[in-house]
Amino acid sequence: EYYYQIPAGFDEEMVAVFATDSQLAHQIAASDRCTLHFH
């Protein structure tokens, strides 16, 4: 009803939540760049 109704209100940066000890999160953030693929 509210949150997704105005697309212009969203920040360009997307976020992903990981476990605190996630090696993948550390690798992604440390690389400074990545490519997201999705369908």
Full PDB file with SEQRES, HELIX, SHEET, SSBOND, CRYST1, ORIGX, SCALE, CONECT and MASTER records, all heavy atoms in Angstrom:
SEQRES   1 A   39  GLU TYR TYR TYR GLN ILE PRO ALA GLY PHE ASP GLU GLU          
SEQRES   2 A   39  MET VAL ALA VAL PHE ALA THR ASP SER GLN LEU ALA HIS          
SEQRES   3 A   39  GLN ILE ALA ALA SER ASP ARG CYS THR LEU HIS PHE HIS          
HELIX    1 AA1 PRO A    7  GLY A    9  5                                   3    
HELIX    2 AA2 GLN A   23  SER A   31  1                                   9    
CRYST1    1.000    1.000    1.000  90.00  90.00  90.00 P 1           1          
ORIGX1      1.000000  0.000000  0.000000        0.00000                         
ORIGX2      0.000000  1.000000  0.000000        0.00000                         
ORIGX3      0.000000  0.000000  1.000000        0.00000                         
SCALE1      1.000000  0.000000  0.000000        0.00000                         
SCALE2      0.000000  1.000000  0.000000        0.00000                         
SCALE3      0.000000  0.000000  1.000000        0.00000                         
ATOM      1  N   GLU A   1       0.809  -1.226   0.000  1.00  0.00           N  
ATOM      2  CA  GLU A   1       0.000   0.000   0.000  1.00  0.00           C  
ATOM      3  C   GLU A   1       0.835   1.266   0.000  1.00  0.00           C  
ATOM      4  O   GLU A   1       0.378   2.301  -0.461  1.00  0.00           O  
ATOM      5  CB  GLU A   1      -0.921   0.016   1.219  1.00  0.00           C  
ATOM      6  CG  GLU A   1      -2.022  -1.010   1.143  1.00  0.00           C  
ATOM      7  CD  GLU A   1      -2.910  -1.004   2.381  1.00  0.00           C  
ATOM      8  OE1 GLU A   1      -2.660  -0.198   3.302  1.00  0.00           O  
ATOM      9  OE2 GLU A   1      -3.838  -1.823   2.427  1.00  0.00           O  
ATOM     10  N   TYR A   2       2.039   1.199   0.547  1.00  0.00           N  
ATOM     11  CA  TYR A   2       2.785   2.432   0.739  1.00  0.00           C  
ATOM     12  C   TYR A   2       4.212   2.381   0.197  1.00  0.00           C  
ATOM     13  O   TYR A   2       4.613   3.212  -0.595  1.00  0.00           O  
ATOM     14  CB  TYR A   2       2.809   2.786   2.241  1.00  0.00           C  
ATOM     15  CG  TYR A   2       3.803   3.845   2.615  1.00  0.00           C  
ATOM     16  CD1 TYR A   2       3.603   5.172   2.272  1.00  0.00           C  
ATOM     17  CD2 TYR A   2       4.970   3.513   3.297  1.00  0.00           C  
ATOM     18  CE1 TYR A   2       4.536   6.135   2.589  1.00  0.00           C  
ATOM     19  CE2 TYR A   2       5.900   4.475   3.616  1.00  0.00           C  
ATOM     20  CZ  TYR A   2       5.679   5.787   3.267  1.00  0.00           C  
ATOM     21  OH  TYR A   2       6.602   6.735   3.577  1.00  0.00           O  
ATOM     22  N   TYR A   3       4.963   1.406   0.631  1.00  0.00           N  
ATOM     23  CA  TYR A   3       6.417   1.415   0.449  1.00  0.00           C  
ATOM     24  C   TYR A   3       6.848   1.469  -1.016  1.00  0.00           C  
ATOM     25  O   TYR A   3       7.706   2.263  -1.384  1.00  0.00           O  
ATOM     26  CB  TYR A   3       7.019   0.195   1.137  1.00  0.00           C  
ATOM     27  CG  TYR A   3       8.520   0.236   1.255  1.00  0.00           C  
ATOM     28  CD1 TYR A   3       9.146   1.086   2.163  1.00  0.00           C  
ATOM     29  CD2 TYR A   3       9.325  -0.588   0.480  1.00  0.00           C  
ATOM     30  CE1 TYR A   3      10.519   1.125   2.293  1.00  0.00           C  
ATOM     31  CE2 TYR A   3      10.698  -0.564   0.606  1.00  0.00           C  
ATOM     32  CZ  TYR A   3      11.295   0.293   1.507  1.00  0.00           C  
ATOM     33  OH  TYR A   3      12.660   0.325   1.626  1.00  0.00           O  
ATOM     34  N   TYR A   4       6.277   0.631  -1.859  1.00  0.00           N  
ATOM     35  CA  TYR A   4       6.733   0.525  -3.248  1.00  0.00           C  
ATOM     36  C   TYR A   4       5.981   1.435  -4.219  1.00  0.00           C  
ATOM     37  O   TYR A   4       6.176   1.335  -5.425  1.00  0.00           O  
ATOM     38  CB  TYR A   4       6.635  -0.928  -3.722  1.00  0.00           C  
ATOM     39  CG  TYR A   4       7.640  -1.828  -3.045  1.00  0.00           C  
ATOM     40  CD1 TYR A   4       7.230  -2.853  -2.207  1.00  0.00           C  
ATOM     41  CD2 TYR A   4       8.998  -1.641  -3.232  1.00  0.00           C  
ATOM     42  CE1 TYR A   4       8.154  -3.683  -1.582  1.00  0.00           C  
ATOM     43  CE2 TYR A   4       9.922  -2.454  -2.606  1.00  0.00           C  
ATOM     44  CZ  TYR A   4       9.490  -3.470  -1.792  1.00  0.00           C  
ATOM     45  OH  TYR A   4      10.409  -4.284  -1.172  1.00  0.00           O  
ATOM     46  N   GLN A   5       5.148   2.323  -3.743  1.00  0.00           N  
ATOM     47  CA  GLN A   5       4.283   3.106  -4.623  1.00  0.00           C  
ATOM     48  C   GLN A   5       4.986   4.237  -5.358  1.00  0.00           C  
ATOM     49  O   GLN A   5       4.520   4.667  -6.398  1.00  0.00           O  
ATOM     50  CB  GLN A   5       3.084   3.649  -3.838  1.00  0.00           C  
ATOM     51  CG  GLN A   5       2.188   2.562  -3.302  1.00  0.00           C  
ATOM     52  CD  GLN A   5       1.746   1.582  -4.380  1.00  0.00           C  
ATOM     53  OE1 GLN A   5       1.316   1.976  -5.452  1.00  0.00           O  
ATOM     54  NE2 GLN A   5       1.889   0.300  -4.102  1.00  0.00           N  
ATOM     55  N   ILE A   6       6.114   4.735  -4.847  1.00  0.00           N  
ATOM     56  CA  ILE A   6       6.803   5.853  -5.488  1.00  0.00           C  
ATOM     57  C   ILE A   6       8.252   5.438  -5.769  1.00  0.00           C  
ATOM     58  O   ILE A   6       9.133   5.601  -4.916  1.00  0.00           O  
ATOM     59  CB  ILE A   6       6.740   7.124  -4.608  1.00  0.00           C  
ATOM     60  CG1 ILE A   6       5.283   7.458  -4.311  1.00  0.00           C  
ATOM     61  CG2 ILE A   6       7.453   8.292  -5.302  1.00  0.00           C  
ATOM     62  CD1 ILE A   6       5.087   8.567  -3.312  1.00  0.00           C  
ATOM     63  N   PRO A   7       8.519   4.908  -6.942  1.00  0.00           N  
ATOM     64  CA  PRO A   7       9.864   4.404  -7.255  1.00  0.00           C  
ATOM     65  C   PRO A   7      10.965   5.460  -7.130  1.00  0.00           C  
ATOM     66  O   PRO A   7      12.089   5.132  -6.772  1.00  0.00           O  
ATOM     67  CB  PRO A   7       9.737   3.923  -8.702  1.00  0.00           C  
ATOM     68  CG  PRO A   7       8.289   3.655  -8.898  1.00  0.00           C  
ATOM     69  CD  PRO A   7       7.567   4.649  -8.018  1.00  0.00           C  
ATOM     70  N   ALA A   8      10.651   6.714  -7.393  1.00  0.00           N  
ATOM     71  CA  ALA A   8      11.668   7.771  -7.320  1.00  0.00           C  
ATOM     72  C   ALA A   8      12.176   7.979  -5.896  1.00  0.00           C  
ATOM     73  O   ALA A   8      13.220   8.600  -5.696  1.00  0.00           O  
ATOM     74  CB  ALA A   8      11.107   9.074  -7.869  1.00  0.00           C  
ATOM     75  N   GLY A   9      11.479   7.451  -4.899  1.00  0.00           N  
ATOM     76  CA  GLY A   9      11.893   7.626  -3.514  1.00  0.00           C  
ATOM     77  C   GLY A   9      12.985   6.664  -3.061  1.00  0.00           C  
ATOM     78  O   GLY A   9      13.450   6.759  -1.918  1.00  0.00           O  
ATOM     79  N   PHE A  10      13.401   5.755  -3.939  1.00  0.00           N  
ATOM     80  CA  PHE A  10      14.399   4.767  -3.547  1.00  0.00           C  
ATOM     81  C   PHE A  10      15.812   5.242  -3.833  1.00  0.00           C  
ATOM     82  O   PHE A  10      16.073   5.890  -4.836  1.00  0.00           O  
ATOM     83  CB  PHE A  10      14.156   3.435  -4.264  1.00  0.00           C  
ATOM     84  CG  PHE A  10      12.981   2.701  -3.718  1.00  0.00           C  
ATOM     85  CD1 PHE A  10      11.729   2.856  -4.277  1.00  0.00           C  
ATOM     86  CD2 PHE A  10      13.120   1.877  -2.615  1.00  0.00           C  
ATOM     87  CE1 PHE A  10      10.633   2.200  -3.760  1.00  0.00           C  
ATOM     88  CE2 PHE A  10      12.027   1.210  -2.090  1.00  0.00           C  
ATOM     89  CZ  PHE A  10      10.781   1.376  -2.668  1.00  0.00           C  
ATOM     90  N   ASP A  11      16.717   4.873  -2.945  1.00  0.00           N  
ATOM     91  CA  ASP A  11      18.126   5.151  -3.116  1.00  0.00           C  
ATOM     92  C   ASP A  11      18.664   4.242  -4.218  1.00  0.00           C  
ATOM     93  O   ASP A  11      18.195   3.112  -4.381  1.00  0.00           O  
ATOM     94  CB  ASP A  11      18.852   4.873  -1.797  1.00  0.00           C  
ATOM     95  CG  ASP A  11      20.268   5.392  -1.799  1.00  0.00           C  
ATOM     96  OD1 ASP A  11      20.461   6.549  -1.408  1.00  0.00           O  
ATOM     97  OD2 ASP A  11      21.177   4.629  -2.198  1.00  0.00           O  
ATOM     98  N   GLU A  12      19.648   4.708  -4.939  1.00  0.00           N  
ATOM     99  CA  GLU A  12      20.214   3.913  -6.021  1.00  0.00           C  
ATOM    100  C   GLU A  12      20.982   2.694  -5.498  1.00  0.00           C  
ATOM    101  O   GLU A  12      21.016   1.645  -6.140  1.00  0.00           O  
ATOM    102  CB  GLU A  12      21.143   4.797  -6.860  1.00  0.00           C  
ATOM    103  CG  GLU A  12      21.695   4.109  -8.065  1.00  0.00           C  
ATOM    104  CD  GLU A  12      22.483   5.038  -8.960  1.00  0.00           C  
ATOM    105  OE1 GLU A  12      23.282   5.844  -8.434  1.00  0.00           O  
ATOM    106  OE2 GLU A  12      22.294   4.950 -10.177  1.00  0.00           O  
ATOM    107  N   GLU A  13      21.570   2.814  -4.312  1.00  0.00           N  
ATOM    108  CA  GLU A  13      22.338   1.716  -3.746  1.00  0.00           C  
ATOM    109  C   GLU A  13      21.397   0.652  -3.178  1.00  0.00           C  
ATOM    110  O   GLU A  13      20.505   0.953  -2.401  1.00  0.00           O  
ATOM    111  CB  GLU A  13      23.265   2.218  -2.631  1.00  0.00           C  
ATOM    112  CG  GLU A  13      24.127   1.126  -2.047  1.00  0.00           C  
ATOM    113  CD  GLU A  13      25.009   1.617  -0.925  1.00  0.00           C  
ATOM    114  OE1 GLU A  13      24.505   2.360  -0.040  1.00  0.00           O  
ATOM    115  OE2 GLU A  13      26.188   1.254  -0.923  1.00  0.00           O  
ATOM    116  N   MET A  14      21.606  -0.586  -3.580  1.00  0.00           N  
ATOM    117  CA  MET A  14      20.871  -1.721  -3.034  1.00  0.00           C  
ATOM    118  C   MET A  14      21.720  -2.346  -1.943  1.00  0.00           C  
ATOM    119  O   MET A  14      22.941  -2.173  -1.934  1.00  0.00           O  
ATOM    120  CB  MET A  14      20.608  -2.756  -4.134  1.00  0.00           C  
ATOM    121  CG  MET A  14      19.789  -2.215  -5.289  1.00  0.00           C  
ATOM    122  SD  MET A  14      19.785  -3.350  -6.700  1.00  0.00           S  
ATOM    123  CE  MET A  14      21.436  -3.119  -7.350  1.00  0.00           C  
ATOM    124  N   VAL A  15      21.082  -3.063  -1.021  1.00  0.00           N  
ATOM    125  CA  VAL A  15      21.834  -3.714   0.049  1.00  0.00           C  
ATOM    126  C   VAL A  15      21.453  -5.185   0.143  1.00  0.00           C  
ATOM    127  O   VAL A  15      20.345  -5.573  -0.212  1.00  0.00           O  
ATOM    128  CB  VAL A  15      21.621  -3.021   1.417  1.00  0.00           C  
ATOM    129  CG1 VAL A  15      22.162  -1.617   1.405  1.00  0.00           C  
ATOM    130  CG2 VAL A  15      20.175  -3.039   1.830  1.00  0.00           C  
ATOM    131  N   ALA A  16      22.402  -5.974   0.618  1.00  0.00           N  
ATOM    132  CA  ALA A  16      22.169  -7.396   0.862  1.00  0.00           C  
ATOM    133  C   ALA A  16      22.637  -7.709   2.278  1.00  0.00           C  
ATOM    134  O   ALA A  16      23.659  -7.193   2.730  1.00  0.00           O  
ATOM    135  CB  ALA A  16      22.933  -8.247  -0.143  1.00  0.00           C  
ATOM    136  N   VAL A  17      21.869  -8.547   2.963  1.00  0.00           N  
ATOM    137  CA  VAL A  17      22.151  -8.915   4.345  1.00  0.00           C  
ATOM    138  C   VAL A  17      22.831 -10.284   4.365  1.00  0.00           C  
ATOM    139  O   VAL A  17      22.385 -11.222   3.705  1.00  0.00           O  
ATOM    140  CB  VAL A  17      20.845  -8.952   5.169  1.00  0.00           C  
ATOM    141  CG1 VAL A  17      21.103  -9.403   6.587  1.00  0.00           C  
ATOM    142  CG2 VAL A  17      20.170  -7.581   5.151  1.00  0.00           C  
ATOM    143  N   PHE A  18      23.912 -10.369   5.140  1.00  0.00           N  
ATOM    144  CA  PHE A  18      24.686 -11.598   5.279  1.00  0.00           C  
ATOM    145  C   PHE A  18      24.899 -11.885   6.757  1.00  0.00           C  
ATOM    146  O   PHE A  18      24.837 -10.980   7.589  1.00  0.00           O  
ATOM    147  CB  PHE A  18      26.075 -11.444   4.634  1.00  0.00           C  
ATOM    148  CG  PHE A  18      26.062 -11.255   3.152  1.00  0.00           C  
ATOM    149  CD1 PHE A  18      25.913  -9.991   2.600  1.00  0.00           C  
ATOM    150  CD2 PHE A  18      26.223 -12.334   2.299  1.00  0.00           C  
ATOM    151  CE1 PHE A  18      25.917  -9.802   1.226  1.00  0.00           C  
ATOM    152  CE2 PHE A  18      26.231 -12.162   0.928  1.00  0.00           C  
ATOM    153  CZ  PHE A  18      26.071 -10.894   0.384  1.00  0.00           C  
ATOM    154  N   ALA A  19      25.225 -13.116   7.077  1.00  0.00           N  
ATOM    155  CA  ALA A  19      25.653 -13.450   8.434  1.00  0.00           C  
ATOM    156  C   ALA A  19      26.926 -12.668   8.745  1.00  0.00           C  
ATOM    157  O   ALA A  19      27.724 -12.369   7.848  1.00  0.00           O  
ATOM    158  CB  ALA A  19      25.919 -14.950   8.551  1.00  0.00           C  
ATOM    159  N   THR A  20      27.108 -12.323   9.995  1.00  0.00           N  
ATOM    160  CA  THR A  20      28.257 -11.510  10.402  1.00  0.00           C  
ATOM    161  C   THR A  20      29.584 -12.109   9.952  1.00  0.00           C  
ATOM    162  O   THR A  20      30.479 -11.389   9.520  1.00  0.00           O  
ATOM    163  CB  THR A  20      28.273 -11.329  11.934  1.00  0.00           C  
ATOM    164  OG1 THR A  20      27.045 -10.715  12.304  1.00  0.00           O  
ATOM    165  CG2 THR A  20      29.413 -10.459  12.390  1.00  0.00           C  
ATOM    166  N   ASP A  21      29.709 -13.412  10.026  1.00  0.00           N  
ATOM    167  CA  ASP A  21      30.979 -14.068   9.691  1.00  0.00           C  
ATOM    168  C   ASP A  21      31.050 -14.546   8.237  1.00  0.00           C  
ATOM    169  O   ASP A  21      31.900 -15.351   7.886  1.00  0.00           O  
ATOM    170  CB  ASP A  21      31.226 -15.234  10.635  1.00  0.00           C  
ATOM    171  CG  ASP A  21      30.093 -16.269  10.587  1.00  0.00           C  
ATOM    172  OD1 ASP A  21      29.050 -16.003   9.939  1.00  0.00           O  
ATOM    173  OD2 ASP A  21      30.246 -17.334  11.199  1.00  0.00           O  
ATOM    174  N   SER A  22      30.201 -14.017   7.380  1.00  0.00           N  
ATOM    175  CA  SER A  22      30.147 -14.458   5.990  1.00  0.00           C  
ATOM    176  C   SER A  22      31.427 -14.088   5.227  1.00  0.00           C  
ATOM    177  O   SER A  22      31.761 -12.903   5.081  1.00  0.00           O  
ATOM    178  CB  SER A  22      28.935 -13.837   5.286  1.00  0.00           C  
ATOM    179  OG  SER A  22      29.022 -14.050   3.894  1.00  0.00           O  
ATOM    180  N   GLN A  23      32.114 -15.109   4.742  1.00  0.00           N  
ATOM    181  CA  GLN A  23      33.297 -14.878   3.914  1.00  0.00           C  
ATOM    182  C   GLN A  23      32.906 -14.242   2.582  1.00  0.00           C  
ATOM    183  O   GLN A  23      33.637 -13.407   2.048  1.00  0.00           O  
ATOM    184  CB  GLN A  23      34.048 -16.196   3.684  1.00  0.00           C  
ATOM    185  CG  GLN A  23      34.722 -16.717   4.929  1.00  0.00           C  
ATOM    186  CD  GLN A  23      35.771 -15.750   5.452  1.00  0.00           C  
ATOM    187  OE1 GLN A  23      36.493 -15.103   4.692  1.00  0.00           O  
ATOM    188  NE2 GLN A  23      35.849 -15.633   6.761  1.00  0.00           N  
ATOM    189  N   LEU A  24      31.761 -14.639   2.052  1.00  0.00           N  
ATOM    190  CA  LEU A  24      31.303 -14.075   0.786  1.00  0.00           C  
ATOM    191  C   LEU A  24      31.085 -12.565   0.905  1.00  0.00           C  
ATOM    192  O   LEU A  24      31.507 -11.803   0.034  1.00  0.00           O  
ATOM    193  CB  LEU A  24      30.013 -14.758   0.322  1.00  0.00           C  
ATOM    194  CG  LEU A  24      29.419 -14.252  -0.987  1.00  0.00           C  
ATOM    195  CD1 LEU A  24      30.409 -14.414  -2.135  1.00  0.00           C  
ATOM    196  CD2 LEU A  24      28.116 -14.971  -1.285  1.00  0.00           C  
ATOM    197  N   ALA A  25      30.456 -12.124   1.977  1.00  0.00           N  
ATOM    198  CA  ALA A  25      30.244 -10.686   2.179  1.00  0.00           C  
ATOM    199  C   ALA A  25      31.574  -9.949   2.213  1.00  0.00           C  
ATOM    200  O   ALA A  25      31.731  -8.885   1.593  1.00  0.00           O  
ATOM    201  CB  ALA A  25      29.466 -10.441   3.467  1.00  0.00           C  
ATOM    202  N   HIS A  26      32.541 -10.505   2.921  1.00  0.00           N  
ATOM    203  CA  HIS A  26      33.864  -9.875   3.003  1.00  0.00           C  
ATOM    204  C   HIS A  26      34.554  -9.839   1.644  1.00  0.00           C  
ATOM    205  O   HIS A  26      35.169  -8.838   1.279  1.00  0.00           O  
ATOM    206  CB  HIS A  26      34.731 -10.581   4.052  1.00  0.00           C  
ATOM    207  CG  HIS A  26      34.273 -10.300   5.446  1.00  0.00           C  
ATOM    208  ND1 HIS A  26      34.594  -9.146   6.114  1.00  0.00           N  
ATOM    209  CD2 HIS A  26      33.488 -11.004   6.279  1.00  0.00           C  
ATOM    210  CE1 HIS A  26      34.037  -9.147   7.311  1.00  0.00           C  
ATOM    211  NE2 HIS A  26      33.349 -10.276   7.430  1.00  0.00           N  
ATOM    212  N   GLN A  27      34.436 -10.906   0.877  1.00  0.00           N  
ATOM    213  CA  GLN A  27      35.050 -10.939  -0.455  1.00  0.00           C  
ATOM    214  C   GLN A  27      34.409  -9.919  -1.381  1.00  0.00           C  
ATOM    215  O   GLN A  27      35.101  -9.216  -2.116  1.00  0.00           O  
ATOM    216  CB  GLN A  27      34.926 -12.338  -1.049  1.00  0.00           C  
ATOM    217  CG  GLN A  27      35.802 -13.368  -0.392  1.00  0.00           C  
ATOM    218  CD  GLN A  27      35.491 -14.778  -0.878  1.00  0.00           C  
ATOM    219  OE1 GLN A  27      34.486 -15.027  -1.540  1.00  0.00           O  
ATOM    220  NE2 GLN A  27      36.363 -15.722  -0.532  1.00  0.00           N  
ATOM    221  N   ILE A  28      33.078  -9.844  -1.352  1.00  0.00           N  
ATOM    222  CA  ILE A  28      32.369  -8.910  -2.232  1.00  0.00           C  
ATOM    223  C   ILE A  28      32.728  -7.466  -1.873  1.00  0.00           C  
ATOM    224  O   ILE A  28      33.066  -6.663  -2.746  1.00  0.00           O  
ATOM    225  CB  ILE A  28      30.842  -9.123  -2.165  1.00  0.00           C  
ATOM    226  CG1 ILE A  28      30.469 -10.474  -2.762  1.00  0.00           C  
ATOM    227  CG2 ILE A  28      30.113  -7.999  -2.889  1.00  0.00           C  
ATOM    228  CD1 ILE A  28      29.019 -10.872  -2.513  1.00  0.00           C  
ATOM    229  N   ALA A  29      32.647  -7.126  -0.589  1.00  0.00           N  
ATOM    230  CA  ALA A  29      32.924  -5.754  -0.176  1.00  0.00           C  
ATOM    231  C   ALA A  29      34.383  -5.383  -0.411  1.00  0.00           C  
ATOM    232  O   ALA A  29      34.690  -4.270  -0.843  1.00  0.00           O  
ATOM    233  CB  ALA A  29      32.551  -5.565   1.288  1.00  0.00           C  
ATOM    234  N   ALA A  30      35.283  -6.309  -0.151  1.00  0.00           N  
ATOM    235  CA  ALA A  30      36.717  -6.034  -0.320  1.00  0.00           C  
ATOM    236  C   ALA A  30      37.099  -5.870  -1.784  1.00  0.00           C  
ATOM    237  O   ALA A  30      38.051  -5.152  -2.099  1.00  0.00           O  
ATOM    238  CB  ALA A  30      37.543  -7.151   0.322  1.00  0.00           C  
ATOM    239  N   SER A  31      36.373  -6.503  -2.681  1.00  0.00           N  
ATOM    240  CA  SER A  31      36.706  -6.416  -4.108  1.00  0.00           C  
ATOM    241  C   SER A  31      36.408  -5.041  -4.684  1.00  0.00           C  
ATOM    242  O   SER A  31      36.928  -4.687  -5.733  1.00  0.00           O  
ATOM    243  CB  SER A  31      35.940  -7.477  -4.898  1.00  0.00           C  
ATOM    244  OG  SER A  31      34.569  -7.128  -4.971  1.00  0.00           O  
ATOM    245  N   ASP A  32      35.569  -4.275  -4.013  1.00  0.00           N  
ATOM    246  CA  ASP A  32      35.187  -2.917  -4.419  1.00  0.00           C  
ATOM    247  C   ASP A  32      34.248  -2.896  -5.633  1.00  0.00           C  
ATOM    248  O   ASP A  32      33.629  -1.891  -5.912  1.00  0.00           O  
ATOM    249  CB  ASP A  32      36.422  -2.062  -4.686  1.00  0.00           C  
ATOM    250  CG  ASP A  32      36.105  -0.586  -4.856  1.00  0.00           C  
ATOM    251  OD1 ASP A  32      35.355  -0.048  -4.014  1.00  0.00           O  
ATOM    252  OD2 ASP A  32      36.583   0.021  -5.829  1.00  0.00           O  
ATOM    253  N   ARG A  33      34.161  -4.000  -6.372  1.00  0.00           N  
ATOM    254  CA  ARG A  33      33.284  -4.065  -7.538  1.00  0.00           C  
ATOM    255  C   ARG A  33      32.796  -5.499  -7.721  1.00  0.00           C  
ATOM    256  O   ARG A  33      33.481  -6.446  -7.352  1.00  0.00           O  
ATOM    257  CB  ARG A  33      34.006  -3.628  -8.813  1.00  0.00           C  
ATOM    258  CG  ARG A  33      34.540  -2.212  -8.745  1.00  0.00           C  
ATOM    259  CD  ARG A  33      34.822  -1.618 -10.097  1.00  0.00           C  
ATOM    260  NE  ARG A  33      33.662  -1.340 -10.904  1.00  0.00           N  
ATOM    261  CZ  ARG A  33      32.791  -0.346 -10.731  1.00  0.00           C  
ATOM    262  NH1 ARG A  33      32.905   0.439  -9.707  1.00  0.00           N  
ATOM    263  NH2 ARG A  33      31.796  -0.157 -11.566  1.00  0.00           N  
ATOM    264  N   CYS A  34      31.616  -5.631  -8.317  1.00  0.00           N  
ATOM    265  CA  CYS A  34      31.121  -6.954  -8.690  1.00  0.00           C  
ATOM    266  C   CYS A  34      30.082  -6.777  -9.787  1.00  0.00           C  
ATOM    267  O   CYS A  34      29.663  -5.658 -10.093  1.00  0.00           O  
ATOM    268  CB  CYS A  34      30.543  -7.706  -7.496  1.00  0.00           C  
ATOM    269  SG  CYS A  34      28.927  -7.125  -6.984  1.00  0.00           S  
ATOM    270  N   THR A  35      29.669  -7.875 -10.361  1.00  0.00           N  
ATOM    271  CA  THR A  35      28.609  -7.860 -11.360  1.00  0.00           C  
ATOM    272  C   THR A  35      27.474  -8.726 -10.851  1.00  0.00           C  
ATOM    273  O   THR A  35      27.676  -9.891 -10.497  1.00  0.00           O  
ATOM    274  CB  THR A  35      29.104  -8.401 -12.717  1.00  0.00           C  
ATOM    275  OG1 THR A  35      30.214  -7.603 -13.150  1.00  0.00           O  
ATOM    276  CG2 THR A  35      28.003  -8.334 -13.764  1.00  0.00           C  
ATOM    277  N   LEU A  36      26.282  -8.139 -10.773  1.00  0.00           N  
ATOM    278  CA  LEU A  36      25.083  -8.876 -10.377  1.00  0.00           C  
ATOM    279  C   LEU A  36      24.392  -9.370 -11.638  1.00  0.00           C  
ATOM    280  O   LEU A  36      24.179  -8.599 -12.579  1.00  0.00           O  
ATOM    281  CB  LEU A  36      24.137  -7.977  -9.590  1.00  0.00           C  
ATOM    282  CG  LEU A  36      24.673  -7.340  -8.309  1.00  0.00           C  
ATOM    283  CD1 LEU A  36      23.615  -6.415  -7.702  1.00  0.00           C  
ATOM    284  CD2 LEU A  36      25.086  -8.400  -7.321  1.00  0.00           C  
ATOM    285  N   HIS A  37      24.043 -10.637 -11.662  1.00  0.00           N  
ATOM    286  CA  HIS A  37      23.288 -11.233 -12.768  1.00  0.00           C  
ATOM    287  C   HIS A  37      21.963 -11.716 -12.193  1.00  0.00           C  
ATOM    288  O   HIS A  37      21.950 -12.387 -11.168  1.00  0.00           O  
ATOM    289  CB  HIS A  37      24.018 -12.447 -13.356  1.00  0.00           C  
ATOM    290  CG  HIS A  37      25.262 -12.114 -14.080  1.00  0.00           C  
ATOM    291  ND1 HIS A  37      25.303 -11.937 -15.437  1.00  0.00           N  
ATOM    292  CD2 HIS A  37      26.524 -11.920 -13.633  1.00  0.00           C  
ATOM    293  CE1 HIS A  37      26.536 -11.654 -15.803  1.00  0.00           C  
ATOM    294  NE2 HIS A  37      27.302 -11.639 -14.712  1.00  0.00           N  
ATOM    295  N   PHE A  38      20.864 -11.388 -12.858  1.00  0.00           N  
ATOM    296  CA  PHE A  38      19.591 -11.936 -12.422  1.00  0.00           C  
ATOM    297  C   PHE A  38      18.611 -11.990 -13.581  1.00  0.00           C  
ATOM    298  O   PHE A  38      18.785 -11.325 -14.594  1.00  0.00           O  
ATOM    299  CB  PHE A  38      19.017 -11.170 -11.221  1.00  0.00           C  
ATOM    300  CG  PHE A  38      18.742  -9.716 -11.466  1.00  0.00           C  
ATOM    301  CD1 PHE A  38      17.482  -9.280 -11.836  1.00  0.00           C  
ATOM    302  CD2 PHE A  38      19.745  -8.770 -11.316  1.00  0.00           C  
ATOM    303  CE1 PHE A  38      17.222  -7.939 -12.045  1.00  0.00           C  
ATOM    304  CE2 PHE A  38      19.489  -7.431 -11.524  1.00  0.00           C  
ATOM    305  CZ  PHE A  38      18.229  -7.014 -11.891  1.00  0.00           C  
ATOM    306  N   HIS A  39      17.620 -12.835 -13.422  1.00  0.00           N  
ATOM    307  CA  HIS A  39      16.600 -13.051 -14.435  1.00  0.00           C  
ATOM    308  C   HIS A  39      15.261 -12.547 -13.915  1.00  0.00           C  
ATOM    309  O   HIS A  39      14.924 -12.743 -12.752  1.00  0.00           O  
ATOM    310  CB  HIS A  39      16.444 -14.548 -14.741  1.00  0.00           C  
ATOM    311  CG  HIS A  39      17.638 -15.147 -15.382  1.00  0.00           C  
ATOM    312  ND1 HIS A  39      17.577 -15.737 -16.618  1.00  0.00           N  
ATOM    313  CD2 HIS A  39      18.924 -15.261 -14.990  1.00  0.00           C  
ATOM    314  CE1 HIS A  39      18.771 -16.195 -16.943  1.00  0.00           C  
ATOM    315  NE2 HIS A  39      19.602 -15.915 -15.964  1.00  0.00           N  
TER     316      HIS A  39                                                      
MASTER        0    0    0    2    0    0    0    6  315    1    0    3          
END                                                                             
